[in-house]
């Protein structure tokens, strides 16, 4: 069954793409969830109009993200944590903690934008990627130091 995607779905395609999917997948999941609509001439016209607005919104978001990258470039964060033996931390440094430390410095970054595959569990300096938009990314330096140092 041919459907038009109303939002980006990673394995299928971008918003506005016409894709062929199994009838059950379309009728039981994509269409009821509002992620797709049946590919009819009327729906194609609606999606083309919405796609133009979507692309304009994406361009604006990309410009904002690039401006934010200019401010974040070279930024560093220092987080103090309690330390056990061999430079291991009690607990760990998470994306939420890094986002909070950035907010204290005046940078508004959501924890979901931080590319931290796993929490930091040892003292040291780490490079953490921040994905502000799909094509806009930068890195910051996170220094984890012992508490009281």
C-alpha atoms as a PDB file:
ATOM      1  CA  UNK A   1       0.000   0.000   0.000  1.00  0.00           C
ATOM      2  CA  UNK A   2       1.356   3.435  -0.896  1.00  0.00           C
ATOM      3  CA  UNK A   3       1.332   5.998   1.904  1.00  0.00           C
ATOM      4  CA  UNK A   4       2.633   9.536   2.375  1.00  0.00           C
ATOM      5  CA  UNK A   5       4.726  10.054   5.496  1.00  0.00           C
ATOM      6  CA  UNK A   6       3.561  13.004   7.611  1.00  0.00           C
ATOM      7  CA  UNK A   7       6.741  12.979   9.705  1.00  0.00           C
ATOM      8  CA  UNK A   8      10.254  11.626   9.389  1.00  0.00           C
ATOM      9  CA  UNK A   9      10.420   7.906  10.147  1.00  0.00           C
ATOM     10  CA  UNK A  10      14.000   6.656  10.173  1.00  0.00           C
ATOM     11  CA  UNK A  11      13.696   3.328   8.366  1.00  0.00           C
ATOM     12  CA  UNK A  12      11.113   4.585   5.840  1.00  0.00           C
ATOM     13  CA  UNK A  13      12.023   8.137   4.866  1.00  0.00           C
ATOM     14  CA  UNK A  14      11.503  11.855   5.346  1.00  0.00           C
ATOM     15  CA  UNK A  15       8.286  13.796   5.698  1.00  0.00           C
ATOM     16  CA  UNK A  16       6.345  13.916   2.430  1.00  0.00           C
ATOM     17  CA  UNK A  17       7.960  10.792   0.998  1.00  0.00           C
ATOM     18  CA  UNK A  18       5.656   8.365  -0.789  1.00  0.00           C
ATOM     19  CA  UNK A  19       6.592   4.854   0.323  1.00  0.00           C
ATOM     20  CA  UNK A  20       5.180   1.401  -0.245  1.00  0.00           C
ATOM     21  CA  UNK A  21       4.515  -0.485   3.002  1.00  0.00           C
ATOM     22  CA  UNK A  22       2.568  -3.568   4.021  1.00  0.00           C
ATOM     23  CA  UNK A  23      -1.176  -2.909   4.171  1.00  0.00           C
ATOM     24  CA  UNK A  24      -1.401  -4.055   7.816  1.00  0.00           C
ATOM     25  CA  UNK A  25       1.489  -1.802   8.867  1.00  0.00           C
ATOM     26  CA  UNK A  26      -0.215   1.165   7.222  1.00  0.00           C
ATOM     27  CA  UNK A  27      -3.757   0.479   8.462  1.00  0.00           C
ATOM     28  CA  UNK A  28      -2.890  -0.684  11.982  1.00  0.00           C
ATOM     29  CA  UNK A  29       0.045   1.539  12.885  1.00  0.00           C
ATOM     30  CA  UNK A  30       1.099   4.363  10.555  1.00  0.00           C
ATOM     31  CA  UNK A  31      -2.315   5.858   9.727  1.00  0.00           C
ATOM     32  CA  UNK A  32      -3.896   5.583  13.230  1.00  0.00           C
ATOM     33  CA  UNK A  33      -0.759   7.103  14.814  1.00  0.00           C
ATOM     34  CA  UNK A  34      -0.901  10.022  12.359  1.00  0.00           C
ATOM     35  CA  UNK A  35       2.519   9.169  10.956  1.00  0.00           C
ATOM     36  CA  UNK A  36       1.223   8.593   7.425  1.00  0.00           C
ATOM     37  CA  UNK A  37      -1.812   9.028   5.210  1.00  0.00           C
ATOM     38  CA  UNK A  38      -3.060   7.155   2.193  1.00  0.00           C
ATOM     39  CA  UNK A  39      -1.451   8.324  -1.059  1.00  0.00           C
ATOM     40  CA  UNK A  40      -4.376   9.964  -2.881  1.00  0.00           C
ATOM     41  CA  UNK A  41      -4.111  12.974  -5.227  1.00  0.00           C
ATOM     42  CA  UNK A  42      -5.838  15.194  -2.629  1.00  0.00           C
ATOM     43  CA  UNK A  43      -3.519  14.091   0.155  1.00  0.00           C
ATOM     44  CA  UNK A  44      -0.470  14.593  -2.092  1.00  0.00           C
ATOM     45  CA  UNK A  45      -1.490  18.242  -2.622  1.00  0.00           C
ATOM     46  CA  UNK A  46      -1.961  18.762   1.139  1.00  0.00           C
ATOM     47  CA  UNK A  47       1.422  17.258   1.917  1.00  0.00           C
ATOM     48  CA  UNK A  48       3.219  19.401  -0.678  1.00  0.00           C
ATOM     49  CA  UNK A  49       1.817  22.516   1.003  1.00  0.00           C
ATOM     50  CA  UNK A  50       2.766  21.259   4.477  1.00  0.00           C
ATOM     51  CA  UNK A  51       6.196  20.156   3.235  1.00  0.00           C
ATOM     52  CA  UNK A  52       7.012  23.715   2.140  1.00  0.00           C
ATOM     53  CA  UNK A  53       6.177  25.042   5.610  1.00  0.00           C
ATOM     54  CA  UNK A  54       8.136  22.186   7.206  1.00  0.00           C
ATOM     55  CA  UNK A  55      11.244  22.914   5.117  1.00  0.00           C
ATOM     56  CA  UNK A  56      11.024  26.596   6.019  1.00  0.00           C
ATOM     57  CA  UNK A  57      10.751  25.716   9.719  1.00  0.00           C
ATOM     58  CA  UNK A  58      13.711  23.331   9.412  1.00  0.00           C
ATOM     59  CA  UNK A  59      15.814  26.044   7.739  1.00  0.00           C
ATOM     60  CA  UNK A  60      15.014  28.475  10.563  1.00  0.00           C
ATOM     61  CA  UNK A  61      15.876  25.850  13.187  1.00  0.00           C
ATOM     62  CA  UNK A  62      19.144  25.069  11.381  1.00  0.00           C
ATOM     63  CA  UNK A  63      20.099  28.779  11.371  1.00  0.00           C
ATOM     64  CA  UNK A  64      19.386  29.051  15.111  1.00  0.00           C
ATOM     65  CA  UNK A  65      21.435  25.919  15.745  1.00  0.00           C
ATOM     66  CA  UNK A  66      24.378  27.284  13.744  1.00  0.00           C
ATOM     67  CA  UNK A  67      24.263  30.509  15.760  1.00  0.00           C
ATOM     68  CA  UNK A  68      24.251  28.462  18.968  1.00  0.00           C
ATOM     69  CA  UNK A  69      27.232  26.426  17.693  1.00  0.00           C
ATOM     70  CA  UNK A  70      29.215  29.661  17.377  1.00  0.00           C
ATOM     71  CA  UNK A  71      28.584  30.357  21.082  1.00  0.00           C
ATOM     72  CA  UNK A  72      29.269  26.780  22.201  1.00  0.00           C
ATOM     73  CA  UNK A  73      32.487  26.441  20.184  1.00  0.00           C
ATOM     74  CA  UNK A  74      35.331  25.842  22.615  1.00  0.00           C
ATOM     75  CA  UNK A  75      33.066  25.724  25.668  1.00  0.00           C
ATOM     76  CA  UNK A  76      34.158  23.609  28.597  1.00  0.00           C
ATOM     77  CA  UNK A  77      32.369  22.346  31.674  1.00  0.00           C
ATOM     78  CA  UNK A  78      33.914  21.268  34.968  1.00  0.00           C
ATOM     79  CA  UNK A  79      31.935  18.887  37.151  1.00  0.00           C
ATOM     80  CA  UNK A  80      33.097  17.976  40.670  1.00  0.00           C
ATOM     81  CA  UNK A  81      32.207  14.486  41.918  1.00  0.00           C
ATOM     82  CA  UNK A  82      33.008  12.354  44.955  1.00  0.00           C
ATOM     83  CA  UNK A  83      35.764   9.865  44.201  1.00  0.00           C
ATOM     84  CA  UNK A  84      36.361   6.292  45.372  1.00  0.00           C
ATOM     85  CA  UNK A  85      39.629   4.429  44.863  1.00  0.00           C
ATOM     86  CA  UNK A  86      41.533   4.470  41.555  1.00  0.00           C
ATOM     87  CA  UNK A  87      39.843   7.644  40.257  1.00  0.00           C
ATOM     88  CA  UNK A  88      36.453   5.923  40.024  1.00  0.00           C
ATOM     89  CA  UNK A  89      33.417   8.018  40.859  1.00  0.00           C
ATOM     90  CA  UNK A  90      30.674   7.336  43.365  1.00  0.00           C
ATOM     91  CA  UNK A  91      27.870   7.275  40.823  1.00  0.00           C
ATOM     92  CA  UNK A  92      28.448   8.828  37.411  1.00  0.00           C
ATOM     93  CA  UNK A  93      28.212  12.001  35.352  1.00  0.00           C
ATOM     94  CA  UNK A  94      25.114  11.913  33.142  1.00  0.00           C
ATOM     95  CA  UNK A  95      23.895  13.944  30.180  1.00  0.00           C
ATOM     96  CA  UNK A  96      21.423  15.705  32.494  1.00  0.00           C
ATOM     97  CA  UNK A  97      24.268  16.853  34.765  1.00  0.00           C
ATOM     98  CA  UNK A  98      26.242  18.179  31.787  1.00  0.00           C
ATOM     99  CA  UNK A  99      23.164  20.004  30.440  1.00  0.00           C
ATOM    100  CA  UNK A 100      22.610  21.556  33.879  1.00  0.00           C
ATOM    101  CA  UNK A 101      26.240  22.700  34.062  1.00  0.00           C
ATOM    102  CA  UNK A 102      25.923  24.236  30.585  1.00  0.00           C
ATOM    103  CA  UNK A 103      22.734  26.021  31.652  1.00  0.00           C
ATOM    104  CA  UNK A 104      24.585  27.566  34.606  1.00  0.00           C
ATOM    105  CA  UNK A 105      27.079  28.974  32.076  1.00  0.00           C
ATOM    106  CA  UNK A 106      24.208  30.396  30.009  1.00  0.00           C
ATOM    107  CA  UNK A 107      23.916  27.745  27.280  1.00  0.00           C
ATOM    108  CA  UNK A 108      20.478  26.211  26.810  1.00  0.00           C
ATOM    109  CA  UNK A 109      20.997  22.596  25.721  1.00  0.00           C
ATOM    110  CA  UNK A 110      18.553  19.741  26.219  1.00  0.00           C
ATOM    111  CA  UNK A 111      20.028  16.555  27.674  1.00  0.00           C
ATOM    112  CA  UNK A 112      18.694  14.649  24.641  1.00  0.00           C
ATOM    113  CA  UNK A 113      20.939  16.722  22.382  1.00  0.00           C
ATOM    114  CA  UNK A 114      24.078  15.482  24.157  1.00  0.00           C
ATOM    115  CA  UNK A 115      25.701  12.456  22.548  1.00  0.00           C
ATOM    116  CA  UNK A 116      26.852  10.604  25.652  1.00  0.00           C
ATOM    117  CA  UNK A 117      26.691   6.865  24.872  1.00  0.00           C
ATOM    118  CA  UNK A 118      27.194   5.918  28.512  1.00  0.00           C
ATOM    119  CA  UNK A 119      27.608   7.886  31.739  1.00  0.00           C
ATOM    120  CA  UNK A 120      31.119   9.013  32.690  1.00  0.00           C
ATOM    121  CA  UNK A 121      32.424   6.950  35.617  1.00  0.00           C
ATOM    122  CA  UNK A 122      36.052   8.081  35.962  1.00  0.00           C
ATOM    123  CA  UNK A 123      37.934  11.310  36.519  1.00  0.00           C
ATOM    124  CA  UNK A 124      39.358  12.936  33.429  1.00  0.00           C
ATOM    125  CA  UNK A 125      38.641  15.137  30.453  1.00  0.00           C
ATOM    126  CA  UNK A 126      36.117  14.029  27.858  1.00  0.00           C
ATOM    127  CA  UNK A 127      34.893  15.349  24.504  1.00  0.00           C
ATOM    128  CA  UNK A 128      31.086  15.290  24.312  1.00  0.00           C
ATOM    129  CA  UNK A 129      29.239  15.895  21.042  1.00  0.00           C
ATOM    130  CA  UNK A 130      26.129  18.068  20.990  1.00  0.00           C
ATOM    131  CA  UNK A 131      23.674  17.579  18.128  1.00  0.00           C
ATOM    132  CA  UNK A 132      21.668  20.807  17.896  1.00  0.00           C
ATOM    133  CA  UNK A 133      19.959  19.936  14.595  1.00  0.00           C
ATOM    134  CA  UNK A 134      20.177  16.934  12.252  1.00  0.00           C
ATOM    135  CA  UNK A 135      23.130  18.417  10.326  1.00  0.00           C
ATOM    136  CA  UNK A 136      24.497  20.762  13.012  1.00  0.00           C
ATOM    137  CA  UNK A 137      26.862  19.343  15.618  1.00  0.00           C
ATOM    138  CA  UNK A 138      29.662  20.601  17.844  1.00  0.00           C
ATOM    139  CA  UNK A 139      31.744  19.265  20.721  1.00  0.00           C
ATOM    140  CA  UNK A 140      32.468  20.566  24.200  1.00  0.00           C
ATOM    141  CA  UNK A 141      35.049  19.556  26.772  1.00  0.00           C
ATOM    142  CA  UNK A 142      33.819  18.041  30.031  1.00  0.00           C
ATOM    143  CA  UNK A 143      36.335  17.867  32.876  1.00  0.00           C
ATOM    144  CA  UNK A 144      35.421  15.600  35.781  1.00  0.00           C
ATOM    145  CA  UNK A 145      37.418  16.542  38.877  1.00  0.00           C
ATOM    146  CA  UNK A 146      37.394  15.324  42.490  1.00  0.00           C
ATOM    147  CA  UNK A 147      35.024  17.163  44.809  1.00  0.00           C
ATOM    148  CA  UNK A 148      36.848  19.753  46.906  1.00  0.00           C
ATOM    149  CA  UNK A 149      39.776  20.060  44.491  1.00  0.00           C
END
